[in-house]
Amino acid sequence: GFYREDTGEKLLLPEELTRALQQEVLARQQAEERAEQERQRA
């Protein structure tokens, strides 16, 4: 496991990076859906 000394952040393995990107995409989609719902309610 590799960790940055400046931030303590772990350097992700390829499969971890893939999961993180998938989670980021899902979170962005959910945020966009919530924003659209708010826009529709408004």
All heavy atoms as atom14 arrays in JSON, in Angstrom:
{
  "sequence": "GFYREDTGEKLLLPEELTRALQQEVLARQQAEERAEQERQRA",
  "atom14_mask": [
    [1, 1, 1, 1, 0, 0, 0, 0, 0, 0, 0, 0, 0, 0],
    [1, 1, 1, 1, 1, 1, 1, 1, 1, 1, 1, 0, 0, 0],
    [1, 1, 1, 1, 1, 1, 1, 1, 1, 1, 1, 1, 0, 0],
    [1, 1, 1, 1, 1, 1, 1, 1, 1, 1, 1, 0, 0, 0],
    [1, 1, 1, 1, 1, 1, 1, 1, 1, 0, 0, 0, 0, 0],
    [1, 1, 1, 1, 1, 1, 1, 1, 0, 0, 0, 0, 0, 0],
    [1, 1, 1, 1, 1, 1, 1, 0, 0, 0, 0, 0, 0, 0],
    [1, 1, 1, 1, 0, 0, 0, 0, 0, 0, 0, 0, 0, 0],
    [1, 1, 1, 1, 1, 1, 1, 1, 1, 0, 0, 0, 0, 0],
    [1, 1, 1, 1, 1, 1, 1, 1, 1, 0, 0, 0, 0, 0],
    [1, 1, 1, 1, 1, 1, 1, 1, 0, 0, 0, 0, 0, 0],
    [1, 1, 1, 1, 1, 1, 1, 1, 0, 0, 0, 0, 0, 0],
    [1, 1, 1, 1, 1, 1, 1, 1, 0, 0, 0, 0, 0, 0],
    [1, 1, 1, 1, 1, 1, 1, 0, 0, 0, 0, 0, 0, 0],
    [1, 1, 1, 1, 1, 1, 1, 1, 1, 0, 0, 0, 0, 0],
    [1, 1, 1, 1, 1, 1, 1, 1, 1, 0, 0, 0, 0, 0],
    [1, 1, 1, 1, 1, 1, 1, 1, 0, 0, 0, 0, 0, 0],
    [1, 1, 1, 1, 1, 1, 1, 0, 0, 0, 0, 0, 0, 0],
    [1, 1, 1, 1, 1, 1, 1, 1, 1, 1, 1, 0, 0, 0],
    [1, 1, 1, 1, 1, 0, 0, 0, 0, 0, 0, 0, 0, 0],
    [1, 1, 1, 1, 1, 1, 1, 1, 0, 0, 0, 0, 0, 0],
    [1, 1, 1, 1, 1, 1, 1, 1, 1, 0, 0, 0, 0, 0],
    [1, 1, 1, 1, 1, 1, 1, 1, 1, 0, 0, 0, 0, 0],
    [1, 1, 1, 1, 1, 1, 1, 1, 1, 0, 0, 0, 0, 0],
    [1, 1, 1, 1, 1, 1, 1, 0, 0, 0, 0, 0, 0, 0],
    [1, 1, 1, 1, 1, 1, 1, 1, 0, 0, 0, 0, 0, 0],
    [1, 1, 1, 1, 1, 0, 0, 0, 0, 0, 0, 0, 0, 0],
    [1, 1, 1, 1, 1, 1, 1, 1, 1, 1, 1, 0, 0, 0],
    [1, 1, 1, 1, 1, 1, 1, 1, 1, 0, 0, 0, 0, 0],
    [1, 1, 1, 1, 1, 1, 1, 1, 1, 0, 0, 0, 0, 0],
    [1, 1, 1, 1, 1, 0, 0, 0, 0, 0, 0, 0, 0, 0],
    [1, 1, 1, 1, 1, 1, 1, 1, 1, 0, 0, 0, 0, 0],
    [1, 1, 1, 1, 1, 1, 1, 1, 1, 0, 0, 0, 0, 0],
    [1, 1, 1, 1, 1, 1, 1, 1, 1, 1, 1, 0, 0, 0],
    [1, 1, 1, 1, 1, 0, 0, 0, 0, 0, 0, 0, 0, 0],
    [1, 1, 1, 1, 1, 1, 1, 1, 1, 0, 0, 0, 0, 0],
    [1, 1, 1, 1, 1, 1, 1, 1, 1, 0, 0, 0, 0, 0],
    [1, 1, 1, 1, 1, 1, 1, 1, 1, 0, 0, 0, 0, 0],
    [1, 1, 1, 1, 1, 1, 1, 1, 1, 1, 1, 0, 0, 0],
    [1, 1, 1, 1, 1, 1, 1, 1, 1, 0, 0, 0, 0, 0],
    [1, 1, 1, 1, 1, 1, 1, 1, 1, 1, 1, 0, 0, 0],
    [1, 1, 1, 1, 1, 0, 0, 0, 0, 0, 0, 0, 0, 0]
  ],
  "atom14_positions": [
    [[0.84, -1.19, 0.0], [0.0, 0.0, 0.0], [0.88, 1.25, 0.0], [1.87, 1.32, 0.73], [0.0, 0.0, 0.0], [0.0, 0.0, 0.0], [0.0, 0.0, 0.0], [0.0, 0.0, 0.0], [0.0, 0.0, 0.0], [0.0, 0.0, 0.0], [0.0, 0.0, 0.0], [0.0, 0.0, 0.0], [0.0, 0.0, 0.0], [0.0, 0.0, 0.0]],
    [[0.53, 2.22, -0.84], [1.3, 3.45, -0.96], [0.45, 4.63, -0.5], [-0.7, 4.79, -0.94], [1.72, 3.69, -2.42], [2.68, 2.65, -2.96], [2.2, 1.5, -3.56], [4.05, 2.84, -2.86], [3.07, 0.54, -4.06], [4.93, 1.89, -3.36], [4.44, 0.74, -3.96], [0.0, 0.0, 0.0], [0.0, 0.0, 0.0], [0.0, 0.0, 0.0]],
    [[1.02, 5.48, 0.38], [0.31, 6.63, 0.93], [1.14, 7.9, 0.75], [2.35, 7.91, 1.04], [0.01, 6.41, 2.41], [-0.95, 5.29, 2.67], [-0.51, 3.96, 2.66], [-2.3, 5.53, 2.91], [-1.39, 2.91, 2.88], [-3.18, 4.49, 3.13], [-2.72, 3.18, 3.11], [-3.58, 2.13, 3.33], [0.0, 0.0, 0.0], [0.0, 0.0, 0.0]],
    [[0.5, 8.95, 0.28], [1.18, 10.24, 0.1], [1.59, 10.8, 1.46], [0.81, 10.77, 2.42], [0.27, 11.24, -0.62], [-0.11, 10.84, -2.03], [-1.04, 11.88, -2.62], [-0.39, 13.17, -2.69], [-0.02, 13.76, -3.84], [-0.24, 13.15, -4.98], [0.57, 14.94, -3.83], [0.0, 0.0, 0.0], [0.0, 0.0, 0.0], [0.0, 0.0, 0.0]],
    [[2.8, 11.33, 1.53], [3.25, 11.93, 2.78], [2.61, 13.29, 3.01], [2.42, 13.7, 4.15], [4.77, 12.07, 2.76], [5.5, 10.76, 2.91], [6.98, 10.94, 3.2], [7.56, 11.99, 2.83], [7.56, 10.03, 3.81], [0.0, 0.0, 0.0], [0.0, 0.0, 0.0], [0.0, 0.0, 0.0], [0.0, 0.0, 0.0], [0.0, 0.0, 0.0]],
    [[2.26, 14.01, 1.95], [1.74, 15.37, 2.12], [0.27, 15.38, 2.56], [-0.15, 16.25, 3.32], [1.91, 16.19, 0.83], [1.31, 15.5, -0.4], [0.88, 14.34, -0.27], [1.28, 16.13, -1.47], [0.0, 0.0, 0.0], [0.0, 0.0, 0.0], [0.0, 0.0, 0.0], [0.0, 0.0, 0.0], [0.0, 0.0, 0.0], [0.0, 0.0, 0.0]],
    [[-0.51, 14.4, 2.11], [-1.94, 14.4, 2.42], [-2.39, 13.16, 3.21], [-3.48, 13.15, 3.76], [-2.78, 14.46, 1.14], [-2.54, 13.26, 0.36], [-2.4, 15.68, 0.3], [0.0, 0.0, 0.0], [0.0, 0.0, 0.0], [0.0, 0.0, 0.0], [0.0, 0.0, 0.0], [0.0, 0.0, 0.0], [0.0, 0.0, 0.0], [0.0, 0.0, 0.0]],
    [[-1.55, 12.13, 3.24], [-1.95, 10.87, 3.87], [-2.86, 10.04, 2.99], [-3.28, 8.94, 3.38], [0.0, 0.0, 0.0], [0.0, 0.0, 0.0], [0.0, 0.0, 0.0], [0.0, 0.0, 0.0], [0.0, 0.0, 0.0], [0.0, 0.0, 0.0], [0.0, 0.0, 0.0], [0.0, 0.0, 0.0], [0.0, 0.0, 0.0], [0.0, 0.0, 0.0]],
    [[-3.19, 10.55, 1.82], [-4.11, 9.86, 0.91], [-3.47, 8.59, 0.34], [-2.3, 8.58, -0.03], [-4.49, 10.8, -0.23], [-5.37, 10.2, -1.29], [-5.59, 11.15, -2.45], [-4.93, 12.21, -2.48], [-6.4, 10.82, -3.33], [0.0, 0.0, 0.0], [0.0, 0.0, 0.0], [0.0, 0.0, 0.0], [0.0, 0.0, 0.0], [0.0, 0.0, 0.0]],
    [[-4.26, 7.53, 0.27], [-3.78, 6.28, -0.31], [-3.82, 6.36, -1.83], [-4.78, 6.88, -2.41], [-4.63, 5.1, 0.16], [-4.16, 3.77, -0.41], [-5.04, 2.61, 0.01], [-4.57, 1.31, -0.62], [-5.41, 0.16, -0.24], [0.0, 0.0, 0.0], [0.0, 0.0, 0.0], [0.0, 0.0, 0.0], [0.0, 0.0, 0.0], [0.0, 0.0, 0.0]],
    [[-2.78, 5.85, -2.47], [-2.79, 5.71, -3.92], [-3.61, 4.46, -4.25], [-3.27, 3.36, -3.82], [-1.37, 5.58, -4.47], [-0.39, 6.7, -4.12], [0.93, 6.5, -4.87], [-0.97, 8.07, -4.45], [0.0, 0.0, 0.0], [0.0, 0.0, 0.0], [0.0, 0.0, 0.0], [0.0, 0.0, 0.0], [0.0, 0.0, 0.0], [0.0, 0.0, 0.0]],
    [[-4.66, 4.65, -5.01], [-5.59, 3.56, -5.25], [-5.03, 2.55, -6.24], [-4.37, 2.9, -7.22], [-6.91, 4.11, -5.77], [-7.67, 5.06, -4.83], [-8.97, 5.51, -5.47], [-7.94, 4.39, -3.49], [0.0, 0.0, 0.0], [0.0, 0.0, 0.0], [0.0, 0.0, 0.0], [0.0, 0.0, 0.0], [0.0, 0.0, 0.0], [0.0, 0.0, 0.0]],
    [[-5.34, 1.29, -5.96], [-5.02, 0.23, -6.91], [-5.96, 0.36, -8.1], [-7.01, 1.03, -8.01], [-5.2, -1.13, -6.25], [-4.37, -1.4, -4.98], [-4.74, -2.75, -4.4], [-2.89, -1.33, -5.29], [0.0, 0.0, 0.0], [0.0, 0.0, 0.0], [0.0, 0.0, 0.0], [0.0, 0.0, 0.0], [0.0, 0.0, 0.0], [0.0, 0.0, 0.0]],
    [[-5.62, -0.25, -9.23], [-6.48, -0.11, -10.42], [-7.94, -0.43, -10.15], [-8.83, 0.33, -10.55], [-5.84, -1.08, -11.42], [-4.4, -1.12, -11.05], [-4.38, -0.98, -9.54], [0.0, 0.0, 0.0], [0.0, 0.0, 0.0], [0.0, 0.0, 0.0], [0.0, 0.0, 0.0], [0.0, 0.0, 0.0], [0.0, 0.0, 0.0], [0.0, 0.0, 0.0]],
    [[-8.22, -1.56, -9.47], [-9.62, -1.92, -9.22], [-10.25, -0.97, -8.21], [-11.45, -0.67, -8.29], [-9.74, -3.37, -8.74], [-9.01, -3.68, -7.43], [-7.6, -4.17, -7.67], [-7.03, -3.81, -8.73], [-7.07, -4.89, -6.83], [0.0, 0.0, 0.0], [0.0, 0.0, 0.0], [0.0, 0.0, 0.0], [0.0, 0.0, 0.0], [0.0, 0.0, 0.0]],
    [[-9.46, -0.47, -7.24], [-9.99, 0.5, -6.29], [-10.3, 1.81, -7.0], [-11.3, 2.48, -6.69], [-8.98, 0.75, -5.16], [-8.8, -0.45, -4.24], [-7.7, -0.22, -3.22], [-6.75, 0.53, -3.51], [-7.8, -0.8, -2.12], [0.0, 0.0, 0.0], [0.0, 0.0, 0.0], [0.0, 0.0, 0.0], [0.0, 0.0, 0.0], [0.0, 0.0, 0.0]],
    [[-9.44, 2.2, -7.93], [-9.66, 3.41, -8.7], [-10.92, 3.28, -9.55], [-11.72, 4.22, -9.64], [-8.45, 3.69, -9.6], [-8.52, 4.95, -10.46], [-8.65, 6.19, -9.58], [-7.29, 5.07, -11.35], [0.0, 0.0, 0.0], [0.0, 0.0, 0.0], [0.0, 0.0, 0.0], [0.0, 0.0, 0.0], [0.0, 0.0, 0.0], [0.0, 0.0, 0.0]],
    [[-11.13, 2.09, -10.12], [-12.34, 1.85, -10.91], [-13.58, 1.99, -10.04], [-14.56, 2.64, -10.43], [-12.29, 0.45, -11.55], [-11.16, 0.36, -12.42], [-13.56, 0.17, -12.35], [0.0, 0.0, 0.0], [0.0, 0.0, 0.0], [0.0, 0.0, 0.0], [0.0, 0.0, 0.0], [0.0, 0.0, 0.0], [0.0, 0.0, 0.0], [0.0, 0.0, 0.0]],
    [[-13.53, 1.37, -8.85], [-14.69, 1.47, -7.93], [-14.92, 2.92, -7.51], [-16.07, 3.38, -7.43], [-14.47, 0.59, -6.71], [-14.61, -0.9, -6.98], [-14.81, -1.67, -5.68], [-13.65, -1.53, -4.81], [-12.62, -2.37, -4.82], [-12.59, -3.38, -5.67], [-11.61, -2.2, -3.99], [0.0, 0.0, 0.0], [0.0, 0.0, 0.0], [0.0, 0.0, 0.0]],
    [[-13.83, 3.63, -7.24], [-13.96, 5.03, -6.81], [-14.58, 5.87, -7.93], [-15.43, 6.73, -7.67], [-12.6, 5.59, -6.42], [0.0, 0.0, 0.0], [0.0, 0.0, 0.0], [0.0, 0.0, 0.0], [0.0, 0.0, 0.0], [0.0, 0.0, 0.0], [0.0, 0.0, 0.0], [0.0, 0.0, 0.0], [0.0, 0.0, 0.0], [0.0, 0.0, 0.0]],
    [[-14.16, 5.62, -9.17], [-14.72, 6.36, -10.3], [-16.2, 6.02, -10.48], [-17.01, 6.91, -10.77], [-13.94, 6.04, -11.58], [-12.51, 6.59, -11.65], [-11.8, 6.07, -12.89], [-12.52, 8.11, -11.65], [0.0, 0.0, 0.0], [0.0, 0.0, 0.0], [0.0, 0.0, 0.0], [0.0, 0.0, 0.0], [0.0, 0.0, 0.0], [0.0, 0.0, 0.0]],
    [[-16.53, 4.74, -10.32], [-17.93, 4.34, -10.43], [-18.77, 5.01, -9.36], [-19.89, 5.49, -9.64], [-18.05, 2.82, -10.33], [-17.48, 2.07, -11.54], [-17.43, 0.57, -11.33], [-17.48, 0.09, -10.2], [-17.36, -0.19, -12.41], [0.0, 0.0, 0.0], [0.0, 0.0, 0.0], [0.0, 0.0, 0.0], [0.0, 0.0, 0.0], [0.0, 0.0, 0.0]],
    [[-18.24, 5.05, -8.14], [-18.97, 5.7, -7.05], [-19.11, 7.19, -7.3], [-20.15, 7.79, -7.01], [-18.24, 5.44, -5.72], [-18.31, 3.99, -5.27], [-17.42, 3.7, -4.07], [-16.68, 4.58, -3.62], [-17.5, 2.49, -3.54], [0.0, 0.0, 0.0], [0.0, 0.0, 0.0], [0.0, 0.0, 0.0], [0.0, 0.0, 0.0], [0.0, 0.0, 0.0]],
    [[-18.05, 7.79, -7.86], [-18.11, 9.23, -8.17], [-19.15, 9.5, -9.24], [-19.92, 10.47, -9.14], [-16.73, 9.71, -8.63], [-16.68, 11.2, -8.91], [-15.3, 11.66, -9.34], [-14.33, 10.91, -9.16], [-15.21, 12.78, -9.88], [0.0, 0.0, 0.0], [0.0, 0.0, 0.0], [0.0, 0.0, 0.0], [0.0, 0.0, 0.0], [0.0, 0.0, 0.0]],
    [[-19.18, 8.66, -10.28], [-20.17, 8.83, -11.34], [-21.58, 8.66, -10.78], [-22.49, 9.45, -11.09], [-19.93, 7.81, -12.48], [-21.1, 7.8, -13.45], [-18.64, 8.14, -13.21], [0.0, 0.0, 0.0], [0.0, 0.0, 0.0], [0.0, 0.0, 0.0], [0.0, 0.0, 0.0], [0.0, 0.0, 0.0], [0.0, 0.0, 0.0], [0.0, 0.0, 0.0]],
    [[-21.79, 7.62, -9.92], [-23.09, 7.4, -9.31], [-23.51, 8.58, -8.44], [-24.66, 9.04, -8.5], [-23.06, 6.12, -8.47], [-24.36, 5.76, -7.74], [-25.5, 5.57, -8.73], [-24.15, 4.51, -6.89], [0.0, 0.0, 0.0], [0.0, 0.0, 0.0], [0.0, 0.0, 0.0], [0.0, 0.0, 0.0], [0.0, 0.0, 0.0], [0.0, 0.0, 0.0]],
    [[-22.55, 9.09, -7.64], [-22.85, 10.24, -6.78], [-23.21, 11.46, -7.62], [-24.13, 12.22, -7.27], [-21.65, 10.54, -5.88], [0.0, 0.0, 0.0], [0.0, 0.0, 0.0], [0.0, 0.0, 0.0], [0.0, 0.0, 0.0], [0.0, 0.0, 0.0], [0.0, 0.0, 0.0], [0.0, 0.0, 0.0], [0.0, 0.0, 0.0], [0.0, 0.0, 0.0]],
    [[-22.52, 11.66, -8.73], [-22.81, 12.79, -9.6], [-24.2, 12.64, -10.23], [-24.97, 13.61, -10.31], [-21.75, 12.91, -10.7], [-21.91, 14.16, -11.57], [-20.85, 14.25, -12.65], [-19.54, 14.4, -12.09], [-18.58, 13.49, -12.21], [-18.8, 12.37, -12.88], [-17.39, 13.7, -11.7], [0.0, 0.0, 0.0], [0.0, 0.0, 0.0], [0.0, 0.0, 0.0]],
    [[-24.52, 11.41, -10.66], [-25.85, 11.17, -11.23], [-26.94, 11.42, -10.21], [-27.97, 12.04, -10.52], [-25.94, 9.73, -11.75], [-25.09, 9.46, -12.99], [-25.09, 8.0, -13.38], [-25.44, 7.13, -12.57], [-24.72, 7.72, -14.62], [0.0, 0.0, 0.0], [0.0, 0.0, 0.0], [0.0, 0.0, 0.0], [0.0, 0.0, 0.0], [0.0, 0.0, 0.0]],
    [[-26.72, 10.95, -8.96], [-27.71, 11.17, -7.91], [-27.86, 12.65, -7.6], [-28.99, 13.13, -7.38], [-27.31, 10.39, -6.66], [-27.39, 8.87, -6.83], [-26.84, 8.12, -5.65], [-26.06, 8.67, -4.84], [-27.22, 6.86, -5.49], [0.0, 0.0, 0.0], [0.0, 0.0, 0.0], [0.0, 0.0, 0.0], [0.0, 0.0, 0.0], [0.0, 0.0, 0.0]],
    [[-26.74, 13.38, -7.6], [-26.79, 14.82, -7.35], [-27.55, 15.53, -8.47], [-28.34, 16.45, -8.22], [-25.38, 15.39, -7.22], [0.0, 0.0, 0.0], [0.0, 0.0, 0.0], [0.0, 0.0, 0.0], [0.0, 0.0, 0.0], [0.0, 0.0, 0.0], [0.0, 0.0, 0.0], [0.0, 0.0, 0.0], [0.0, 0.0, 0.0], [0.0, 0.0, 0.0]],
    [[-27.32, 15.09, -9.71], [-28.02, 15.69, -10.85], [-29.51, 15.38, -10.78], [-30.35, 16.25, -11.09], [-27.42, 15.17, -12.16], [-26.02, 15.7, -12.44], [-25.39, 15.06, -13.66], [-26.0, 14.1, -14.21], [-24.3, 15.49, -14.08], [0.0, 0.0, 0.0], [0.0, 0.0, 0.0], [0.0, 0.0, 0.0], [0.0, 0.0, 0.0], [0.0, 0.0, 0.0]],
    [[-29.85, 14.15, -10.35], [-31.26, 13.78, -10.21], [-31.93, 14.63, -9.13], [-33.06, 15.09, -9.31], [-31.38, 12.3, -9.9], [-31.01, 11.39, -11.06], [-30.99, 9.93, -10.68], [-31.24, 9.62, -9.48], [-30.74, 9.08, -11.55], [0.0, 0.0, 0.0], [0.0, 0.0, 0.0], [0.0, 0.0, 0.0], [0.0, 0.0, 0.0], [0.0, 0.0, 0.0]],
    [[-31.22, 14.81, -7.98], [-31.78, 15.64, -6.91], [-31.96, 17.08, -7.37], [-32.98, 17.71, -7.07], [-30.88, 15.58, -5.67], [-30.93, 14.25, -4.92], [-30.3, 14.37, -3.55], [-28.88, 14.68, -3.64], [-27.92, 13.76, -3.71], [-28.23, 12.47, -3.72], [-26.66, 14.12, -3.77], [0.0, 0.0, 0.0], [0.0, 0.0, 0.0], [0.0, 0.0, 0.0]],
    [[-31.0, 17.57, -8.12], [-31.09, 18.95, -8.62], [-32.26, 19.09, -9.59], [-32.99, 20.1, -9.57], [-29.79, 19.34, -9.31], [0.0, 0.0, 0.0], [0.0, 0.0, 0.0], [0.0, 0.0, 0.0], [0.0, 0.0, 0.0], [0.0, 0.0, 0.0], [0.0, 0.0, 0.0], [0.0, 0.0, 0.0], [0.0, 0.0, 0.0], [0.0, 0.0, 0.0]],
    [[-32.46, 18.05, -10.43], [-33.58, 18.09, -11.37], [-34.91, 18.03, -10.62], [-35.87, 18.75, -10.98], [-33.47, 16.91, -12.34], [-34.61, 16.8, -13.33], [-34.76, 18.0, -14.25], [-33.79, 18.77, -14.38], [-35.85, 18.16, -14.82], [0.0, 0.0, 0.0], [0.0, 0.0, 0.0], [0.0, 0.0, 0.0], [0.0, 0.0, 0.0], [0.0, 0.0, 0.0]],
    [[-34.98, 17.22, -9.57], [-36.2, 17.14, -8.77], [-36.48, 18.48, -8.1], [-37.64, 18.93, -8.06], [-36.07, 16.04, -7.73], [-36.07, 14.63, -8.32], [-35.72, 13.56, -7.31], [-35.37, 13.87, -6.15], [-35.79, 12.3, -7.7], [0.0, 0.0, 0.0], [0.0, 0.0, 0.0], [0.0, 0.0, 0.0], [0.0, 0.0, 0.0], [0.0, 0.0, 0.0]],
    [[-35.43, 19.12, -7.6], [-35.6, 20.45, -6.99], [-36.06, 21.46, -8.02], [-36.91, 22.32, -7.74], [-34.29, 20.9, -6.34], [-33.91, 20.14, -5.08], [-34.92, 20.35, -3.96], [-35.49, 21.46, -3.88], [-35.15, 19.41, -3.19], [0.0, 0.0, 0.0], [0.0, 0.0, 0.0], [0.0, 0.0, 0.0], [0.0, 0.0, 0.0], [0.0, 0.0, 0.0]],
    [[-35.49, 21.36, -9.22], [-35.89, 22.29, -10.28], [-37.36, 22.1, -10.64], [-38.1, 23.07, -10.83], [-35.01, 22.08, -11.52], [-35.23, 23.11, -12.64], [-34.63, 22.68, -13.94], [-35.32, 21.5, -14.47], [-36.5, 21.55, -15.08], [-37.14, 22.7, -15.23], [-37.06, 20.46, -15.54], [0.0, 0.0, 0.0], [0.0, 0.0, 0.0], [0.0, 0.0, 0.0]],
    [[-37.77, 20.8, -10.72], [-39.17, 20.52, -11.04], [-40.1, 21.01, -9.95], [-41.17, 21.57, -10.23], [-39.35, 19.02, -11.27], [-38.67, 18.49, -12.53], [-38.79, 17.0, -12.68], [-39.35, 16.31, -11.81], [-38.29, 16.46, -13.79], [0.0, 0.0, 0.0], [0.0, 0.0, 0.0], [0.0, 0.0, 0.0], [0.0, 0.0, 0.0], [0.0, 0.0, 0.0]],
    [[-39.7, 20.8, -8.67], [-40.54, 21.3, -7.56], [-40.64, 22.83, -7.6], [-41.71, 23.39, -7.38], [-39.97, 20.83, -6.22], [-40.31, 19.39, -5.88], [-40.08, 19.12, -4.4], [-38.66, 19.14, -4.08], [-37.89, 18.05, -4.12], [-38.4, 16.88, -4.48], [-36.61, 18.13, -3.82], [0.0, 0.0, 0.0], [0.0, 0.0, 0.0], [0.0, 0.0, 0.0]],
    [[-39.5, 23.47, -7.9], [-39.51, 24.93, -7.97], [-40.41, 25.4, -9.12], [-41.13, 26.4, -8.98], [-38.08, 25.45, -8.17], [0.0, 0.0, 0.0], [0.0, 0.0, 0.0], [0.0, 0.0, 0.0], [0.0, 0.0, 0.0], [0.0, 0.0, 0.0], [0.0, 0.0, 0.0], [0.0, 0.0, 0.0], [0.0, 0.0, 0.0], [0.0, 0.0, 0.0]]
  ]
}
